[in-house]
Amino acid sequence: MVAMYSLVNRFDYSPAEKSYIIWAVAIGTILGTFPINYFYIKYGARWPFFISGVMSVSSTAFIPLAAHLGLPYLLFSRFVQ
């Protein structure tokens, strides 16, 4: 006996949701410029860029779980990324 399974994409986002996911990165980059610039001037380049890298790696690693949890979590993760 052979079972037939339908292939359904679990993460089927609407065009509007896809644009939100893309825009979350852009908005995070624009807003993240201000605190990074402040900490760069105050502490030098090493620590602000290190912290930014750790945040980027963490949020990137969190994306599969965030996508599973729902769109708001995915948007937040993309914003931090």
PDB file of N, CA and C in Angstrom:
ATOM      1  N   MET A   1       0.850  -1.170   0.000  1.00  0.00           N
ATOM      2  CA  MET A   1       0.000   0.000   0.000  1.00  0.00           C
ATOM      3  C   MET A   1       0.900   1.239   0.000  1.00  0.00           C
ATOM      4  N   VAL A   2       0.599   2.176  -0.865  1.00  0.00           N
ATOM      5  CA  VAL A   2       1.382   3.400  -0.990  1.00  0.00           C
ATOM      6  C   VAL A   2       0.519   4.570  -0.549  1.00  0.00           C
ATOM      7  N   ALA A   3       1.052   5.364   0.341  1.00  0.00           N
ATOM      8  CA  ALA A   3       0.320   6.545   0.811  1.00  0.00           C
ATOM      9  C   ALA A   3       0.715   7.753  -0.027  1.00  0.00           C
ATOM     10  N   MET A   4      -0.247   8.541  -0.377  1.00  0.00           N
ATOM     11  CA  MET A   4       0.008   9.759  -1.145  1.00  0.00           C
ATOM     12  C   MET A   4      -0.123  10.954  -0.205  1.00  0.00           C
ATOM     13  N   TYR A   5       0.929  11.705  -0.112  1.00  0.00           N
ATOM     14  CA  TYR A   5       0.917  12.887   0.739  1.00  0.00           C
ATOM     15  C   TYR A   5       0.928  14.130  -0.138  1.00  0.00           C
ATOM     16  N   SER A   6       0.165  15.098   0.252  1.00  0.00           N
ATOM     17  CA  SER A   6       0.208  16.361  -0.489  1.00  0.00           C
ATOM     18  C   SER A   6       1.350  17.203   0.072  1.00  0.00           C
ATOM     19  N   LEU A   7       2.031  17.859  -0.826  1.00  0.00           N
ATOM     20  CA  LEU A   7       3.134  18.712  -0.418  1.00  0.00           C
ATOM     21  C   LEU A   7       2.605  20.120  -0.198  1.00  0.00           C
ATOM     22  N   VAL A   8       2.572  20.531   1.042  1.00  0.00           N
ATOM     23  CA  VAL A   8       2.097  21.857   1.398  1.00  0.00           C
ATOM     24  C   VAL A   8       3.237  22.580   2.088  1.00  0.00           C
ATOM     25  N   ASN A   9       3.508  23.785   1.618  1.00  0.00           N
ATOM     26  CA  ASN A   9       4.561  24.576   2.237  1.00  0.00           C
ATOM     27  C   ASN A   9       4.063  25.091   3.579  1.00  0.00           C
ATOM     28  N   ARG A  10       4.766  24.753   4.615  1.00  0.00           N
ATOM     29  CA  ARG A  10       4.398  25.146   5.960  1.00  0.00           C
ATOM     30  C   ARG A  10       4.524  26.653   6.162  1.00  0.00           C
ATOM     31  N   PHE A  11       5.462  27.262   5.455  1.00  0.00           N
ATOM     32  CA  PHE A  11       5.718  28.690   5.601  1.00  0.00           C
ATOM     33  C   PHE A  11       5.262  29.422   4.341  1.00  0.00           C
ATOM     34  N   ASP A  12       3.990  29.347   4.069  1.00  0.00           N
ATOM     35  CA  ASP A  12       3.428  29.973   2.879  1.00  0.00           C
ATOM     36  C   ASP A  12       2.952  31.375   3.252  1.00  0.00           C
ATOM     37  N   TYR A  13       3.808  32.372   3.000  1.00  0.00           N
ATOM     38  CA  TYR A  13       3.503  33.746   3.363  1.00  0.00           C
ATOM     39  C   TYR A  13       2.861  34.475   2.193  1.00  0.00           C
ATOM     40  N   SER A  14       1.991  35.406   2.519  1.00  0.00           N
ATOM     41  CA  SER A  14       1.372  36.239   1.487  1.00  0.00           C
ATOM     42  C   SER A  14       2.416  37.227   0.960  1.00  0.00           C
ATOM     43  N   PRO A  15       2.160  37.843  -0.182  1.00  0.00           N
ATOM     44  CA  PRO A  15       3.111  38.843  -0.689  1.00  0.00           C
ATOM     45  C   PRO A  15       3.352  39.986   0.300  1.00  0.00           C
ATOM     46  N   ALA A  16       2.313  40.405   1.014  1.00  0.00           N
ATOM     47  CA  ALA A  16       2.485  41.472   2.009  1.00  0.00           C
ATOM     48  C   ALA A  16       3.384  41.008   3.152  1.00  0.00           C
ATOM     49  N   GLU A  17       3.177  39.781   3.628  1.00  0.00           N
ATOM     50  CA  GLU A  17       4.016  39.254   4.705  1.00  0.00           C
ATOM     51  C   GLU A  17       5.461  39.103   4.253  1.00  0.00           C
ATOM     52  N   LYS A  18       5.664  38.686   3.019  1.00  0.00           N
ATOM     53  CA  LYS A  18       7.025  38.581   2.491  1.00  0.00           C
ATOM     54  C   LYS A  18       7.700  39.942   2.463  1.00  0.00           C
ATOM     55  N   SER A  19       6.957  40.972   2.100  1.00  0.00           N
ATOM     56  CA  SER A  19       7.558  42.309   2.083  1.00  0.00           C
ATOM     57  C   SER A  19       7.870  42.777   3.499  1.00  0.00           C
ATOM     58  N   TYR A  20       7.037  42.436   4.487  1.00  0.00           N
ATOM     59  CA  TYR A  20       7.338  42.777   5.881  1.00  0.00           C
ATOM     60  C   TYR A  20       8.620  42.093   6.340  1.00  0.00           C
ATOM     61  N   ILE A  21       8.798  40.846   5.947  1.00  0.00           N
ATOM     62  CA  ILE A  21       9.991  40.097   6.338  1.00  0.00           C
ATOM     63  C   ILE A  21      11.241  40.748   5.754  1.00  0.00           C
ATOM     64  N   ILE A  22      11.168  41.201   4.515  1.00  0.00           N
ATOM     65  CA  ILE A  22      12.305  41.881   3.885  1.00  0.00           C
ATOM     66  C   ILE A  22      12.538  43.245   4.522  1.00  0.00           C
ATOM     67  N   TRP A  23      11.463  43.992   4.737  1.00  0.00           N
ATOM     68  CA  TRP A  23      11.589  45.334   5.291  1.00  0.00           C
ATOM     69  C   TRP A  23      12.075  45.323   6.735  1.00  0.00           C
ATOM     70  N   ALA A  24      11.839  44.268   7.481  1.00  0.00           N
ATOM     71  CA  ALA A  24      12.290  44.210   8.874  1.00  0.00           C
ATOM     72  C   ALA A  24      13.803  44.359   8.961  1.00  0.00           C
ATOM     73  N   VAL A  25      14.527  43.765   8.027  1.00  0.00           N
ATOM     74  CA  VAL A  25      15.989  43.892   8.011  1.00  0.00           C
ATOM     75  C   VAL A  25      16.386  45.335   7.726  1.00  0.00           C
ATOM     76  N   ALA A  26      15.729  45.960   6.765  1.00  0.00           N
ATOM     77  CA  ALA A  26      16.071  47.338   6.401  1.00  0.00           C
ATOM     78  C   ALA A  26      15.795  48.301   7.552  1.00  0.00           C
ATOM     79  N   ILE A  27      14.665  48.155   8.200  1.00  0.00           N
ATOM     80  CA  ILE A  27      14.332  49.041   9.318  1.00  0.00           C
ATOM     81  C   ILE A  27      15.289  48.812  10.482  1.00  0.00           C
ATOM     82  N   GLY A  28      15.621  47.556  10.763  1.00  0.00           N
ATOM     83  CA  GLY A  28      16.587  47.260  11.822  1.00  0.00           C
ATOM     84  C   GLY A  28      17.954  47.847  11.531  1.00  0.00           C
ATOM     85  N   THR A  29      18.359  47.811  10.272  1.00  0.00           N
ATOM     86  CA  THR A  29      19.654  48.379   9.888  1.00  0.00           C
ATOM     87  C   THR A  29      19.654  49.892  10.056  1.00  0.00           C
ATOM     88  N   ILE A  30      18.592  50.532   9.619  1.00  0.00           N
ATOM     89  CA  ILE A  30      18.511  51.994   9.735  1.00  0.00           C
ATOM     90  C   ILE A  30      18.487  52.418  11.202  1.00  0.00           C
ATOM     91  N   LEU A  31      17.643  51.792  12.004  1.00  0.00           N
ATOM     92  CA  LEU A  31      17.543  52.173  13.411  1.00  0.00           C
ATOM     93  C   LEU A  31      18.766  51.742  14.220  1.00  0.00           C
ATOM     94  N   GLY A  32      19.406  50.667  13.825  1.00  0.00           N
ATOM     95  CA  GLY A  32      20.595  50.200  14.530  1.00  0.00           C
ATOM     96  C   GLY A  32      21.820  51.061  14.305  1.00  0.00           C
ATOM     97  N   THR A  33      21.783  51.899  13.284  1.00  0.00           N
ATOM     98  CA  THR A  33      22.918  52.774  12.990  1.00  0.00           C
ATOM     99  C   THR A  33      23.177  53.755  14.121  1.00  0.00           C
ATOM    100  N   PHE A  34      22.129  54.274  14.737  1.00  0.00           N
ATOM    101  CA  PHE A  34      22.284  55.311  15.754  1.00  0.00           C
ATOM    102  C   PHE A  34      22.964  54.811  17.030  1.00  0.00           C
ATOM    103  N   PRO A  35      22.503  53.716  17.649  1.00  0.00           N
ATOM    104  CA  PRO A  35      23.222  53.256  18.843  1.00  0.00           C
ATOM    105  C   PRO A  35      24.628  52.743  18.527  1.00  0.00           C
ATOM    106  N   ILE A  36      24.810  52.110  17.376  1.00  0.00           N
ATOM    107  CA  ILE A  36      26.147  51.630  17.012  1.00  0.00           C
ATOM    108  C   ILE A  36      27.100  52.805  16.860  1.00  0.00           C
ATOM    109  N   ASN A  37      26.642  53.872  16.235  1.00  0.00           N
ATOM    110  CA  ASN A  37      27.478  55.059  16.077  1.00  0.00           C
ATOM    111  C   ASN A  37      27.846  55.649  17.433  1.00  0.00           C
ATOM    112  N   TYR A  38      26.889  55.730  18.349  1.00  0.00           N
ATOM    113  CA  TYR A  38      27.153  56.257  19.692  1.00  0.00           C
ATOM    114  C   TYR A  38      28.196  55.407  20.421  1.00  0.00           C
ATOM    115  N   PHE A  39      28.005  54.102  20.427  1.00  0.00           N
ATOM    116  CA  PHE A  39      28.942  53.225  21.127  1.00  0.00           C
ATOM    117  C   PHE A  39      30.296  53.161  20.433  1.00  0.00           C
ATOM    118  N   TYR A  40      30.309  53.335  19.120  1.00  0.00           N
ATOM    119  CA  TYR A  40      31.573  53.379  18.379  1.00  0.00           C
ATOM    120  C   TYR A  40      32.395  54.586  18.818  1.00  0.00           C
ATOM    121  N   ILE A  41      31.741  55.728  18.947  1.00  0.00           N
ATOM    122  CA  ILE A  41      32.439  56.942  19.386  1.00  0.00           C
ATOM    123  C   ILE A  41      32.879  56.811  20.841  1.00  0.00           C
ATOM    124  N   LYS A  42      32.042  56.243  21.685  1.00  0.00           N
ATOM    125  CA  LYS A  42      32.337  56.158  23.118  1.00  0.00           C
ATOM    126  C   LYS A  42      33.381  55.089  23.447  1.00  0.00           C
ATOM    127  N   TYR A  43      33.306  53.909  22.813  1.00  0.00           N
ATOM    128  CA  TYR A  43      34.159  52.779  23.192  1.00  0.00           C
ATOM    129  C   TYR A  43      35.145  52.345  22.112  1.00  0.00           C
ATOM    130  N   GLY A  44      35.097  52.919  20.938  1.00  0.00           N
ATOM    131  CA  GLY A  44      35.941  52.442  19.845  1.00  0.00           C
ATOM    132  C   GLY A  44      35.194  51.387  19.045  1.00  0.00           C
ATOM    133  N   ALA A  45      35.889  50.796  18.102  1.00  0.00           N
ATOM    134  CA  ALA A  45      35.229  49.892  17.155  1.00  0.00           C
ATOM    135  C   ALA A  45      35.061  48.468  17.671  1.00  0.00           C
ATOM    136  N   ARG A  46      35.963  48.005  18.520  1.00  0.00           N
ATOM    137  CA  ARG A  46      36.001  46.582  18.862  1.00  0.00           C
ATOM    138  C   ARG A  46      34.702  46.077  19.478  1.00  0.00           C
ATOM    139  N   TRP A  47      34.253  46.668  20.576  1.00  0.00           N
ATOM    140  CA  TRP A  47      33.093  46.140  21.284  1.00  0.00           C
ATOM    141  C   TRP A  47      31.774  46.336  20.541  1.00  0.00           C
ATOM    142  N   PRO A  48      31.513  47.503  19.973  1.00  0.00           N
ATOM    143  CA  PRO A  48      30.241  47.621  19.228  1.00  0.00           C
ATOM    144  C   PRO A  48      30.117  46.629  18.075  1.00  0.00           C
ATOM    145  N   PHE A  49      31.198  46.407  17.352  1.00  0.00           N
ATOM    146  CA  PHE A  49      31.127  45.463  16.236  1.00  0.00           C
ATOM    147  C   PHE A  49      31.058  44.022  16.723  1.00  0.00           C
ATOM    148  N   PHE A  50      31.705  43.737  17.835  1.00  0.00           N
ATOM    149  CA  PHE A  50      31.614  42.393  18.408  1.00  0.00           C
ATOM    150  C   PHE A  50      30.184  42.101  18.862  1.00  0.00           C
ATOM    151  N   ILE A  51      29.584  43.041  19.591  1.00  0.00           N
ATOM    152  CA  ILE A  51      28.209  42.863  20.065  1.00  0.00           C
ATOM    153  C   ILE A  51      27.246  42.756  18.880  1.00  0.00           C
ATOM    154  N   SER A  52      27.456  43.577  17.859  1.00  0.00           N
ATOM    155  CA  SER A  52      26.607  43.501  16.660  1.00  0.00           C
ATOM    156  C   SER A  52      26.721  42.138  15.993  1.00  0.00           C
ATOM    157  N   GLY A  53      27.929  41.621  15.920  1.00  0.00           N
ATOM    158  CA  GLY A  53      28.134  40.303  15.325  1.00  0.00           C
ATOM    159  C   GLY A  53      27.456  39.203  16.109  1.00  0.00           C
ATOM    160  N   VAL A  54      27.562  39.268  17.433  1.00  0.00           N
ATOM    161  CA  VAL A  54      26.914  38.260  18.282  1.00  0.00           C
ATOM    162  C   VAL A  54      25.394  38.334  18.126  1.00  0.00           C
ATOM    163  N   MET A  55      24.856  39.550  18.081  1.00  0.00           N
ATOM    164  CA  MET A  55      23.408  39.699  17.894  1.00  0.00           C
ATOM    165  C   MET A  55      22.970  39.160  16.536  1.00  0.00           C
ATOM    166  N   SER A  56      23.763  39.420  15.513  1.00  0.00           N
ATOM    167  CA  SER A  56      23.426  38.946  14.172  1.00  0.00           C
ATOM    168  C   SER A  56      23.464  37.424  14.090  1.00  0.00           C
ATOM    169  N   VAL A  57      24.507  36.833  14.661  1.00  0.00           N
ATOM    170  CA  VAL A  57      24.617  35.369  14.651  1.00  0.00           C
ATOM    171  C   VAL A  57      23.473  34.738  15.439  1.00  0.00           C
ATOM    172  N   SER A  58      23.167  35.303  16.602  1.00  0.00           N
ATOM    173  CA  SER A  58      22.095  34.750  17.437  1.00  0.00           C
ATOM    174  C   SER A  58      20.741  34.838  16.743  1.00  0.00           C
ATOM    175  N   SER A  59      20.452  36.003  16.165  1.00  0.00           N
ATOM    176  CA  SER A  59      19.150  36.145  15.510  1.00  0.00           C
ATOM    177  C   SER A  59      19.052  35.275  14.259  1.00  0.00           C
ATOM    178  N   THR A  60      20.163  35.105  13.546  1.00  0.00           N
ATOM    179  CA  THR A  60      20.157  34.236  12.370  1.00  0.00           C
ATOM    180  C   THR A  60      19.918  32.784  12.774  1.00  0.00           C
ATOM    181  N   ALA A  61      20.529  32.360  13.865  1.00  0.00           N
ATOM    182  CA  ALA A  61      20.324  30.996  14.351  1.00  0.00           C
ATOM    183  C   ALA A  61      18.890  30.793  14.850  1.00  0.00           C
ATOM    184  N   PHE A  62      18.254  31.856  15.312  1.00  0.00           N
ATOM    185  CA  PHE A  62      16.897  31.796  15.854  1.00  0.00           C
ATOM    186  C   PHE A  62      15.823  31.798  14.760  1.00  0.00           C
ATOM    187  N   ILE A  63      16.180  32.139  13.525  1.00  0.00           N
ATOM    188  CA  ILE A  63      15.187  32.300  12.455  1.00  0.00           C
ATOM    189  C   ILE A  63      14.341  31.043  12.210  1.00  0.00           C
ATOM    190  N   PRO A  64      14.897  29.837  12.132  1.00  0.00           N
ATOM    191  CA  PRO A  64      14.020  28.673  11.917  1.00  0.00           C
ATOM    192  C   PRO A  64      12.984  28.489  13.031  1.00  0.00           C
ATOM    193  N   LEU A  65      13.405  28.668  14.280  1.00  0.00           N
ATOM    194  CA  LEU A  65      12.458  28.562  15.389  1.00  0.00           C
ATOM    195  C   LEU A  65      11.440  29.698  15.338  1.00  0.00           C
ATOM    196  N   ALA A  66      11.901  30.899  15.026  1.00  0.00           N
ATOM    197  CA  ALA A  66      11.001  32.049  14.941  1.00  0.00           C
ATOM    198  C   ALA A  66       9.963  31.849  13.844  1.00  0.00           C
ATOM    199  N   ALA A  67      10.364  31.297  12.716  1.00  0.00           N
ATOM    200  CA  ALA A  67       9.412  31.032  11.632  1.00  0.00           C
ATOM    201  C   ALA A  67       8.371  30.011  12.074  1.00  0.00           C
ATOM    202  N   HIS A  68       8.799  29.049  12.855  1.00  0.00           N
ATOM    203  CA  HIS A  68       7.865  28.039  13.362  1.00  0.00           C
ATOM    204  C   HIS A  68       6.897  28.645  14.383  1.00  0.00           C
ATOM    205  N   LEU A  69       7.384  29.582  15.211  1.00  0.00           N
ATOM    206  CA  LEU A  69       6.546  30.183  16.248  1.00  0.00           C
ATOM    207  C   LEU A  69       5.522  31.163  15.685  1.00  0.00           C
ATOM    208  N   GLY A  70       5.849  31.805  14.587  1.00  0.00           N
ATOM    209  CA  GLY A  70       4.888  32.731  13.985  1.00  0.00           C
ATOM    210  C   GLY A  70       5.553  33.955  13.398  1.00  0.00           C
ATOM    211  N   LEU A  71       4.770  34.693  12.644  1.00  0.00           N
ATOM    212  CA  LEU A  71       5.282  35.858  11.928  1.00  0.00           C
ATOM    213  C   LEU A  71       5.856  36.939  12.847  1.00  0.00           C
ATOM    214  N   PRO A  72       5.226  37.283  13.983  1.00  0.00           N
ATOM    215  CA  PRO A  72       5.824  38.326  14.832  1.00  0.00           C
ATOM    216  C   PRO A  72       7.229  37.967  15.322  1.00  0.00           C
ATOM    217  N   TYR A  73       7.444  36.716  15.666  1.00  0.00           N
ATOM    218  CA  TYR A  73       8.768  36.285  16.110  1.00  0.00           C
ATOM    219  C   TYR A  73       9.775  36.351  14.964  1.00  0.00           C
ATOM    220  N   LEU A  74       9.329  35.966  13.782  1.00  0.00           N
ATOM    221  CA  LEU A  74      10.199  36.024  12.612  1.00  0.00           C
ATOM    222  C   LEU A  74      10.559  37.468  12.277  1.00  0.00           C
ATOM    223  N   LEU A  75       9.590  38.368  12.351  1.00  0.00           N
ATOM    224  CA  LEU A  75       9.863  39.775  12.076  1.00  0.00           C
ATOM    225  C   LEU A  75      10.847  40.357  13.083  1.00  0.00           C
ATOM    226  N   PHE A  76      10.684  40.008  14.354  1.00  0.00           N
ATOM    227  CA  PHE A  76      11.624  40.496  15.368  1.00  0.00           C
ATOM    228  C   PHE A  76      13.028  39.964  15.110  1.00  0.00           C
ATOM    229  N   SER A  77      13.125  38.697  14.790  1.00  0.00           N
ATOM    230  CA  SER A  77      14.432  38.102  14.515  1.00  0.00           C
ATOM    231  C   SER A  77      15.083  38.745  13.302  1.00  0.00           C
ATOM    232  N   ARG A  78      14.304  39.005  12.269  1.00  0.00           N
ATOM    233  CA  ARG A  78      14.843  39.674  11.079  1.00  0.00           C
ATOM    234  C   ARG A  78      15.220  41.121  11.390  1.00  0.00           C
ATOM    235  N   PHE A  79      14.477  41.783  12.266  1.00  0.00           N
ATOM    236  CA  PHE A  79      14.793  43.150  12.671  1.00  0.00           C
ATOM    237  C   PHE A  79      16.158  43.208  13.364  1.00  0.00           C
ATOM    238  N   VAL A  80      16.411  42.262  14.247  1.00  0.00           N
ATOM    239  CA  VAL A  80      17.684  42.223  14.981  1.00  0.00           C
ATOM    240  C   VAL A  80      18.825  41.782  14.074  1.00  0.00           C
ATOM    241  N   GLN A  81      18.518  40.961  13.107  1.00  0.00           N
ATOM    242  CA  GLN A  81      19.532  40.422  12.213  1.00  0.00           C
ATOM    243  C   GLN A  81      20.230  41.537  11.483  1.00  0.00           C
TER     244      GLN A  81
END
